[in-house]
Amino acid sequence: MTSKSGILRFAAITLVALGLTACASNDELQTEVESITDAYNEAQTSVNRGNFRRGIQIFEAIQARYPFSDLARQIQLELMYAYYN
């Protein structure tokens, strides 16, 4: 009897954990996408204001964290421009 109740308890905990993980992933993905675009906009604002070092730091951090994102190519172009100036 003990092993059966232990298995049921384990199964219940696993199902609850999977349910919570599935719910959290959508919110985390949305937050991650927002943080990428926020950081990109902040870096672009820094470059436009002439603060190239700050822009470069942010662009490099985004590039390191998300090398295969949709913005990766654009960030490389922005970095070239910032380094040039």
C-alpha atoms as a PDB file:
ATOM      1  CA  MET A   1       0.000   0.000   0.000  1.00  0.00           C
ATOM      2  CA  THR A   2       2.774   2.439   0.850  1.00  0.00           C
ATOM      3  CA  SER A   3       4.448   2.174  -2.545  1.00  0.00           C
ATOM      4  CA  LYS A   4       1.134   2.730  -4.312  1.00  0.00           C
ATOM      5  CA  SER A   5       0.373   5.899  -2.337  1.00  0.00           C
ATOM      6  CA  GLY A   6       3.946   7.093  -2.888  1.00  0.00           C
ATOM      7  CA  ILE A   7       3.577   6.630  -6.624  1.00  0.00           C
ATOM      8  CA  LEU A   8       0.261   8.490  -6.615  1.00  0.00           C
ATOM      9  CA  ARG A   9       1.759  11.339  -4.570  1.00  0.00           C
ATOM     10  CA  PHE A  10       4.717  11.570  -6.958  1.00  0.00           C
ATOM     11  CA  ALA A  11       2.394  11.578  -9.980  1.00  0.00           C
ATOM     12  CA  ALA A  12       0.230  14.324  -8.463  1.00  0.00           C
ATOM     13  CA  ILE A  13       3.231  16.512  -7.650  1.00  0.00           C
ATOM     14  CA  THR A  14       4.647  15.975 -11.133  1.00  0.00           C
ATOM     15  CA  LEU A  15       1.368  16.947 -12.795  1.00  0.00           C
ATOM     16  CA  VAL A  16       1.068  20.097 -10.704  1.00  0.00           C
ATOM     17  CA  ALA A  17       4.667  21.058 -11.464  1.00  0.00           C
ATOM     18  CA  LEU A  18       4.171  20.503 -15.194  1.00  0.00           C
ATOM     19  CA  GLY A  19       0.977  22.536 -15.137  1.00  0.00           C
ATOM     20  CA  LEU A  20       2.683  25.457 -13.414  1.00  0.00           C
ATOM     21  CA  THR A  21       5.655  25.289 -15.761  1.00  0.00           C
ATOM     22  CA  ALA A  22       3.425  25.354 -18.824  1.00  0.00           C
ATOM     23  CA  CYS A  23       1.608  28.437 -17.551  1.00  0.00           C
ATOM     24  CA  ALA A  24       4.796  30.290 -16.673  1.00  0.00           C
ATOM     25  CA  SER A  25       6.577  29.763 -19.968  1.00  0.00           C
ATOM     26  CA  ASN A  26       4.236  32.004 -21.975  1.00  0.00           C
ATOM     27  CA  ASP A  27       4.717  34.915 -19.567  1.00  0.00           C
ATOM     28  CA  GLU A  28       8.478  34.431 -19.448  1.00  0.00           C
ATOM     29  CA  LEU A  29       8.686  34.367 -23.244  1.00  0.00           C
ATOM     30  CA  GLN A  30       6.684  37.589 -23.494  1.00  0.00           C
ATOM     31  CA  THR A  31       8.871  39.272 -20.859  1.00  0.00           C
ATOM     32  CA  GLU A  32      12.028  38.102 -22.637  1.00  0.00           C
ATOM     33  CA  VAL A  33      10.866  39.495 -25.970  1.00  0.00           C
ATOM     34  CA  GLU A  34       9.957  42.797 -24.352  1.00  0.00           C
ATOM     35  CA  SER A  35      13.336  43.007 -22.634  1.00  0.00           C
ATOM     36  CA  ILE A  36      15.178  42.415 -25.923  1.00  0.00           C
ATOM     37  CA  THR A  37      13.304  45.185 -27.691  1.00  0.00           C
ATOM     38  CA  ASP A  38      13.583  47.509 -24.686  1.00  0.00           C
ATOM     39  CA  ALA A  39      17.335  46.958 -24.522  1.00  0.00           C
ATOM     40  CA  TYR A  40      17.648  47.438 -28.293  1.00  0.00           C
ATOM     41  CA  ASN A  41      15.701  50.702 -28.118  1.00  0.00           C
ATOM     42  CA  GLU A  42      17.818  51.900 -25.201  1.00  0.00           C
ATOM     43  CA  ALA A  43      21.033  51.139 -27.088  1.00  0.00           C
ATOM     44  CA  GLN A  44      19.764  52.858 -30.202  1.00  0.00           C
ATOM     45  CA  THR A  45      18.781  55.924 -28.176  1.00  0.00           C
ATOM     46  CA  SER A  46      22.246  56.012 -26.623  1.00  0.00           C
ATOM     47  CA  VAL A  47      23.910  55.879 -30.031  1.00  0.00           C
ATOM     48  CA  ASN A  48      21.592  58.561 -31.420  1.00  0.00           C
ATOM     49  CA  ARG A  49      22.511  60.837 -28.510  1.00  0.00           C
ATOM     50  CA  GLY A  50      26.209  60.311 -29.154  1.00  0.00           C
ATOM     51  CA  ASN A  51      26.851  57.968 -26.248  1.00  0.00           C
ATOM     52  CA  PHE A  52      28.488  55.319 -28.421  1.00  0.00           C
ATOM     53  CA  ARG A  53      30.212  53.440 -25.597  1.00  0.00           C
ATOM     54  CA  ARG A  54      26.934  52.820 -23.788  1.00  0.00           C
ATOM     55  CA  GLY A  55      25.205  51.792 -27.017  1.00  0.00           C
ATOM     56  CA  ILE A  56      28.019  49.398 -27.857  1.00  0.00           C
ATOM     57  CA  GLN A  57      27.869  47.843 -24.386  1.00  0.00           C
ATOM     58  CA  ILE A  58      24.131  47.221 -24.666  1.00  0.00           C
ATOM     59  CA  PHE A  59      24.296  45.937 -28.247  1.00  0.00           C
ATOM     60  CA  GLU A  60      27.116  43.541 -27.332  1.00  0.00           C
ATOM     61  CA  ALA A  61      25.188  42.285 -24.301  1.00  0.00           C
ATOM     62  CA  ILE A  62      22.113  41.593 -26.440  1.00  0.00           C
ATOM     63  CA  GLN A  63      24.258  39.921 -29.086  1.00  0.00           C
ATOM     64  CA  ALA A  64      25.927  37.694 -26.500  1.00  0.00           C
ATOM     65  CA  ARG A  65      22.651  36.736 -24.838  1.00  0.00           C
ATOM     66  CA  TYR A  66      20.559  36.259 -28.000  1.00  0.00           C
ATOM     67  CA  PRO A  67      22.930  35.466 -30.901  1.00  0.00           C
ATOM     68  CA  PHE A  68      20.202  33.880 -33.052  1.00  0.00           C
ATOM     69  CA  SER A  69      17.414  36.371 -32.409  1.00  0.00           C
ATOM     70  CA  ASP A  70      15.563  38.227 -35.154  1.00  0.00           C
ATOM     71  CA  LEU A  71      17.532  41.354 -34.264  1.00  0.00           C
ATOM     72  CA  ALA A  72      20.976  39.712 -34.433  1.00  0.00           C
ATOM     73  CA  ARG A  73      21.830  40.970 -37.929  1.00  0.00           C
ATOM     74  CA  GLN A  74      20.524  44.442 -37.250  1.00  0.00           C
ATOM     75  CA  ILE A  75      22.517  44.587 -34.017  1.00  0.00           C
ATOM     76  CA  GLN A  76      25.684  43.698 -35.946  1.00  0.00           C
ATOM     77  CA  LEU A  77      25.011  46.596 -38.311  1.00  0.00           C
ATOM     78  CA  GLU A  78      24.340  48.934 -35.402  1.00  0.00           C
ATOM     79  CA  LEU A  79      27.608  47.836 -33.788  1.00  0.00           C
ATOM     80  CA  MET A  80      29.546  48.566 -36.973  1.00  0.00           C
ATOM     81  CA  TYR A  81      28.051  52.049 -37.109  1.00  0.00           C
ATOM     82  CA  ALA A  82      28.766  52.719 -33.426  1.00  0.00           C
ATOM     83  CA  TYR A  83      32.372  51.492 -33.715  1.00  0.00           C
ATOM     84  CA  TYR A  84      32.886  53.609 -36.822  1.00  0.00           C
ATOM     85  CA  ASN A  85      31.811  56.749 -34.981  1.00  0.00           C
END
